[in-house]
Amino acid sequence: MSIDITRIGGRIGAEISGVDLKNEIDDVTAKEIHNALVEHKVLVFRSQHLDDEQHQRFASIFGDLTLAHPTVPSVDGQANVLEVAGGEGARANAWHTDVTFVVAPPKATTLRSLVIPPYGGDTLFSNTAAAYADLPEHLRLLADRAWAEHSNEYDYAEHPQFRSTEVEEYHKVFVSTRYRTAHPVVRVNPDSGVPNLFIGNFVTGILGLSKTESRDILRLLQHYVTRPENTLRHKWQVGDIVVWDNRSTQHYAADDYGDLARKLHRVTVAGDVPVSLDGTKSYILEGDEATHYTPQVQ
């Protein structure tokens, strides 16, 4: 099997063609796809139209699967599949990396489109390795030594006009078990050896700094993450499957489609405990290792 890899962004993203993900992937092709993911950070496969079983089989070429989510229930009968179809006020329209509030966040995320609105609903991605490389030297030295607290205590009902019953109930489930974890602000991707900014919307502050100091530093670092040069915008079509390296990216789901329907299924791949530039591993501040959710990769 021969696949074609076409870059679609200057610093992030490639489209993969020449492969039918409904079929089993041979080892050589799987390795080629994995290497492309590490290099390009986001891979787009068009017109695949997979079912849940085929989706999970494809995701498993990147490693062992996690359950759907540490606290949110899975799709009925599919323990590894999470439905992404939030109403207004419960959508992921903030820059984030998936599930960083646990000590071993996912290595990769795969997302498959089932229902897409006629307009809007795009997903934006950013290359956090490029963001780190863009930092001025003095700011990079600050980031290198900093550690941040990540927590699932995130208020999906942040805006009063969206405090619906659906939003309130989802928030209760999301925080039903509280997780707080300390991660390095700069983590090293174990496959590439490249350092990345590891922050995003689950960060509640920089350890050892006040809320005001943390907010200012995080805003400054996040500016480099979301520079247009470091981003890719994906316009969904039904049947797409997109994969991203969760260790080296952030993403943002644009909430610009009102009450129109949008439904996707997500499957995530188990990751390792992040490591800082000096080799120090992330550690738990509150909660447990979430081993019910993810087999930790050593």
Protein backbone atom coordinates (compact mmCIF):
# COMPACT_ATOMS: atom_id res chain seq x y z
CA MET A 1 0.00 0.00 0.00
CA SER A 2 1.36 3.43 -0.97
CA ILE A 3 0.06 6.57 0.69
CA ASP A 4 0.36 10.18 -0.44
CA ILE A 5 1.22 12.89 2.09
CA THR A 6 0.39 16.46 1.07
CA ARG A 7 1.24 19.38 3.34
CA ILE A 8 -1.74 21.70 3.90
CA GLY A 9 -0.21 24.25 6.28
CA GLY A 10 3.10 26.04 6.44
CA ARG A 11 3.99 24.72 9.90
CA ILE A 12 1.26 22.21 10.70
CA GLY A 13 -0.96 19.72 8.94
CA ALA A 14 -0.96 17.20 6.10
CA GLU A 15 -3.66 15.42 4.12
CA ILE A 16 -3.25 11.67 3.66
CA SER A 17 -4.67 9.94 0.61
CA GLY A 18 -4.24 6.56 -1.02
CA VAL A 19 -5.46 4.57 1.99
CA ASP A 20 -8.87 3.13 2.84
CA LEU A 21 -9.21 3.15 6.62
CA LYS A 22 -12.10 0.69 6.46
CA ASN A 23 -9.49 -1.99 5.84
CA GLU A 24 -6.82 -3.21 8.21
CA ILE A 25 -3.59 -1.21 7.98
CA ASP A 26 -0.38 -3.19 7.44
CA ASP A 27 2.60 -2.52 9.71
CA VAL A 28 4.64 -0.63 7.11
CA THR A 29 1.78 1.75 6.30
CA ALA A 30 0.96 2.16 9.99
CA LYS A 31 4.54 3.23 10.69
CA GLU A 32 4.47 5.66 7.78
CA ILE A 33 1.25 7.24 9.08
CA HIS A 34 2.64 7.41 12.61
CA ASN A 35 5.82 9.11 11.41
CA ALA A 36 3.73 11.58 9.41
CA LEU A 37 1.75 12.40 12.54
CA VAL A 38 4.90 13.14 14.54
CA GLU A 39 6.23 15.33 11.73
CA HIS A 40 3.06 17.21 10.71
CA LYS A 41 1.16 17.15 14.05
CA VAL A 42 -2.29 16.96 12.34
CA LEU A 43 -3.37 14.47 9.67
CA VAL A 44 -6.56 14.77 7.60
CA PHE A 45 -8.20 11.76 5.91
CA ARG A 46 -11.12 12.71 3.65
CA SER A 47 -14.20 10.65 2.68
CA GLN A 48 -13.53 7.63 4.91
CA HIS A 49 -17.06 7.13 6.37
CA LEU A 50 -16.00 4.73 9.11
CA ASP A 51 -18.20 3.09 11.72
CA ASP A 52 -17.20 2.98 15.40
CA GLU A 53 -15.45 -0.38 15.13
CA GLN A 54 -13.41 0.68 12.11
CA HIS A 55 -12.58 3.97 13.80
CA GLN A 56 -11.22 2.22 16.89
CA ARG A 57 -9.23 -0.25 14.81
CA PHE A 58 -7.61 2.62 12.92
CA ALA A 59 -6.86 4.61 16.10
CA SER A 60 -5.13 1.56 17.60
CA ILE A 61 -2.29 1.79 15.04
CA PHE A 62 -0.98 4.65 17.19
CA GLY A 63 -1.06 2.65 20.44
CA ASP A 64 -3.38 1.36 23.15
CA LEU A 65 -6.72 3.15 23.40
CA THR A 66 -8.03 5.02 26.41
CA LEU A 67 -11.63 4.83 27.52
CA ALA A 68 -13.85 7.60 26.16
CA HIS A 69 -13.13 10.06 29.00
CA PRO A 70 -12.14 10.02 32.68
CA THR A 71 -15.57 11.30 33.81
CA VAL A 72 -17.93 11.67 30.82
CA PRO A 73 -19.85 8.53 29.67
CA SER A 74 -19.05 6.89 26.35
CA VAL A 75 -21.31 6.15 23.41
CA ASP A 76 -23.63 3.26 24.33
CA GLY A 77 -21.87 -0.05 23.78
CA GLN A 78 -18.58 1.59 22.76
CA ALA A 79 -16.42 2.15 25.85
CA ASN A 80 -13.63 3.86 23.88
CA VAL A 81 -15.82 6.29 21.91
CA LEU A 82 -16.88 9.77 23.08
CA GLU A 83 -19.65 11.69 21.34
CA VAL A 84 -18.82 15.34 20.66
CA ALA A 85 -22.10 17.18 20.15
CA GLY A 86 -22.45 19.86 22.81
CA GLY A 87 -25.14 22.53 22.69
CA GLU A 88 -24.48 26.24 22.96
CA GLY A 89 -22.33 26.99 26.00
CA ALA A 90 -21.00 23.41 26.21
CA ARG A 91 -18.71 23.50 23.20
CA ALA A 92 -14.91 23.38 23.27
CA ASN A 93 -14.43 26.92 21.93
CA ALA A 94 -11.26 27.57 23.92
CA TRP A 95 -7.71 26.64 22.99
CA HIS A 96 -6.80 23.42 24.80
CA THR A 97 -4.97 20.10 24.69
CA ASP A 98 -7.15 17.07 25.45
CA VAL A 99 -7.44 15.76 29.04
CA THR A 100 -4.28 17.42 30.40
CA PHE A 101 -5.77 17.40 33.90
CA VAL A 102 -4.72 13.74 34.33
CA VAL A 103 -1.10 12.73 34.90
CA ALA A 104 -0.83 10.82 31.59
CA PRO A 105 -2.81 12.74 28.94
CA PRO A 106 -3.58 11.09 25.58
CA LYS A 107 -0.80 10.70 23.04
CA ALA A 108 -3.15 11.30 20.12
CA THR A 109 -6.77 12.13 19.40
CA THR A 110 -8.81 10.87 16.44
CA LEU A 111 -12.05 12.65 15.53
CA ARG A 112 -14.60 11.48 12.97
CA SER A 113 -17.38 13.63 11.50
CA LEU A 114 -20.93 12.30 11.39
CA VAL A 115 -23.13 15.40 11.15
CA ILE A 116 -21.70 18.73 9.99
CA PRO A 117 -23.58 22.06 9.75
CA PRO A 118 -23.87 23.72 6.32
CA TYR A 119 -21.63 26.50 7.60
CA GLY A 120 -19.34 27.02 10.59
CA GLY A 121 -18.16 24.38 13.04
CA ASP A 122 -14.54 24.34 11.86
CA THR A 123 -11.72 23.13 14.14
CA LEU A 124 -8.51 25.12 14.48
CA PHE A 125 -5.18 23.51 15.41
CA SER A 126 -1.88 25.00 16.56
CA ASN A 127 1.68 23.68 16.54
CA THR A 128 3.03 24.09 20.08
CA ALA A 129 6.54 23.04 19.08
CA ALA A 130 6.69 25.92 16.60
CA ALA A 131 5.29 28.20 19.30
CA TYR A 132 8.11 27.23 21.66
CA ALA A 133 10.71 27.74 18.93
CA ASP A 134 9.30 31.24 18.30
CA LEU A 135 9.87 32.37 21.90
CA PRO A 136 12.54 35.01 22.50
CA GLU A 137 15.45 33.60 24.50
CA HIS A 138 14.59 35.26 27.83
CA LEU A 139 10.95 34.17 27.63
CA ARG A 140 12.05 30.65 26.65
CA LEU A 141 14.28 30.44 29.74
CA LEU A 142 11.31 31.42 31.90
CA ALA A 143 9.06 28.82 30.28
CA ASP A 144 11.73 26.11 30.59
CA ARG A 145 11.67 26.28 34.38
CA ALA A 146 7.94 26.83 34.93
CA TRP A 147 5.36 24.27 36.00
CA ALA A 148 1.59 24.69 35.68
CA GLU A 149 -1.44 23.26 37.45
CA HIS A 150 -4.03 21.65 35.14
CA SER A 151 -7.55 20.89 36.41
CA ASN A 152 -10.89 19.67 35.08
CA GLU A 153 -12.62 22.29 37.24
CA TYR A 154 -13.53 24.18 34.09
CA ASP A 155 -16.71 26.25 33.91
CA TYR A 156 -18.52 25.41 30.67
CA ALA A 157 -21.26 27.81 31.79
CA GLU A 158 -18.85 30.74 31.88
CA HIS A 159 -21.28 33.03 30.07
CA PRO A 160 -24.61 33.61 31.87
CA GLN A 161 -26.65 33.56 28.67
CA PHE A 162 -25.60 29.93 28.13
CA ARG A 163 -26.42 28.60 31.63
CA SER A 164 -28.85 26.02 30.31
CA THR A 165 -29.84 22.84 32.11
CA GLU A 166 -27.77 20.87 29.59
CA VAL A 167 -24.67 22.93 30.38
CA GLU A 168 -25.12 22.64 34.13
CA GLU A 169 -25.64 18.88 33.98
CA TYR A 170 -22.63 18.37 31.69
CA HIS A 171 -20.44 20.41 34.03
CA LYS A 172 -21.52 18.29 37.01
CA VAL A 173 -20.52 15.12 35.17
CA PHE A 174 -17.26 16.62 33.90
CA VAL A 175 -16.07 17.48 37.44
CA SER A 176 -17.67 14.50 39.20
CA THR A 177 -14.15 13.34 40.03
CA ARG A 178 -11.73 16.20 40.49
CA TYR A 179 -8.26 16.03 38.96
CA ARG A 180 -5.39 18.45 39.52
CA THR A 181 -1.99 17.72 38.00
CA ALA A 182 1.34 19.57 37.77
CA HIS A 183 2.84 19.49 34.27
CA PRO A 184 5.94 21.24 32.94
CA VAL A 185 5.12 24.31 30.85
CA VAL A 186 7.63 22.89 28.37
CA ARG A 187 7.37 19.15 27.74
CA VAL A 188 9.48 17.03 25.40
CA ASN A 189 7.69 14.95 22.78
CA PRO A 190 9.11 11.44 23.36
CA ASP A 191 8.89 10.47 19.67
CA SER A 192 10.58 13.53 18.18
CA GLY A 193 12.65 14.78 21.12
CA VAL A 194 11.32 18.28 20.38
CA PRO A 195 10.19 20.63 23.20
CA ASN A 196 6.64 22.03 23.14
CA LEU A 197 4.64 24.56 25.10
CA PHE A 198 2.24 22.44 27.16
CA ILE A 199 -0.45 24.82 28.38
CA GLY A 200 -4.03 25.54 27.25
CA ASN A 201 -7.42 26.09 28.83
CA PHE A 202 -7.18 23.43 31.54
CA VAL A 203 -4.31 25.37 33.14
CA THR A 204 -5.39 27.16 36.31
CA GLY A 205 -2.07 28.82 37.12
CA ILE A 206 1.72 28.69 37.26
CA LEU A 207 3.02 26.99 40.38
CA GLY A 208 4.59 29.47 42.79
CA LEU A 209 3.04 32.55 41.19
CA SER A 210 -0.07 34.57 42.02
CA LYS A 211 -3.21 34.40 39.88
CA THR A 212 -2.39 37.77 38.33
CA GLU A 213 1.21 36.80 37.54
CA SER A 214 0.09 33.44 36.16
CA ARG A 215 -2.57 34.99 33.96
CA ASP A 216 -0.13 37.50 32.46
CA ILE A 217 2.58 34.91 31.73
CA LEU A 218 0.13 32.37 30.31
CA ARG A 219 -1.45 35.01 28.09
CA LEU A 220 1.99 35.94 26.78
CA LEU A 221 2.96 32.32 26.05
CA GLN A 222 -0.44 31.50 24.52
CA HIS A 223 0.03 34.40 22.09
CA TYR A 224 2.81 32.40 20.43
CA VAL A 225 0.66 29.25 20.32
CA THR A 226 -2.13 30.99 18.41
CA ARG A 227 -0.03 33.05 16.00
CA PRO A 228 -1.61 32.52 12.55
CA GLU A 229 1.69 31.12 11.23
CA ASN A 230 1.43 28.26 13.75
CA THR A 231 -2.20 27.33 13.03
CA LEU A 232 -4.36 25.30 10.68
CA ARG A 233 -8.13 25.59 10.17
CA HIS A 234 -9.98 22.44 9.16
CA LYS A 235 -13.35 22.73 7.43
CA TRP A 236 -15.18 19.49 8.10
CA GLN A 237 -16.94 17.31 5.58
CA VAL A 238 -19.04 14.29 6.54
CA GLY A 239 -16.80 11.22 6.52
CA ASP A 240 -13.58 12.99 7.50
CA ILE A 241 -11.30 11.60 10.17
CA VAL A 242 -8.65 13.90 11.64
CA VAL A 243 -5.80 12.79 13.90
CA TRP A 244 -3.61 15.08 15.98
CA ASP A 245 -0.56 14.61 18.18
CA ASN A 246 -1.98 15.69 21.52
CA ARG A 247 1.54 16.18 22.92
CA SER A 248 2.44 18.88 20.39
CA THR A 249 -0.80 20.69 19.58
CA GLN A 250 -3.70 22.68 20.90
CA HIS A 251 -7.09 22.92 19.19
CA TYR A 252 -10.23 25.07 19.24
CA ALA A 253 -13.75 24.20 18.04
CA ALA A 254 -15.34 27.30 16.51
CA ASP A 255 -18.78 27.92 18.03
CA ASP A 256 -20.29 29.80 15.09
CA TYR A 257 -23.17 27.59 13.97
CA GLY A 258 -25.92 28.52 16.45
CA ASP A 259 -28.40 25.71 17.08
CA LEU A 260 -27.47 23.71 13.98
CA ALA A 261 -26.57 20.04 14.44
CA ARG A 262 -22.91 18.99 14.65
CA LYS A 263 -21.89 15.51 15.81
CA LEU A 264 -18.51 13.78 15.83
CA HIS A 265 -17.06 10.69 17.51
CA ARG A 266 -13.72 10.82 19.30
CA VAL A 267 -11.26 8.04 20.14
CA THR A 268 -8.04 8.79 22.03
CA VAL A 269 -4.75 6.93 22.29
CA ALA A 270 -3.01 6.38 25.64
CA GLY A 271 -0.01 8.59 26.35
CA ASP A 272 2.95 8.74 28.67
CA VAL A 273 3.57 10.94 31.71
CA PRO A 274 5.01 14.24 30.40
CA VAL A 275 8.67 14.99 31.03
CA SER A 276 10.32 18.40 31.36
CA LEU A 277 13.56 19.47 29.70
CA ASP A 278 15.52 18.34 32.77
CA GLY A 279 13.81 14.94 32.83
CA THR A 280 11.36 15.61 35.70
CA LYS A 281 7.99 13.87 35.30
CA SER A 282 4.54 15.36 35.89
CA TYR A 283 2.92 14.59 39.23
CA ILE A 284 -0.54 14.44 40.79
CA LEU A 285 -1.80 17.28 43.00
CA GLU A 286 -5.31 15.89 43.56
CA GLY A 287 -7.12 12.77 42.39
CA ASP A 288 -5.53 9.52 41.24
CA GLU A 289 -3.65 8.16 38.22
CA ALA A 290 -6.92 7.67 36.31
CA THR A 291 -5.93 4.09 35.49
CA HIS A 292 -9.61 3.32 34.89
CA TYR A 293 -9.31 5.68 31.89
CA THR A 294 -5.85 5.13 30.44
CA PRO A 295 -3.12 2.50 30.57
CA GLN A 296 -0.06 4.63 31.35
CA VAL A 297 2.76 4.34 28.83
CA GLN A 298 6.13 4.10 30.56
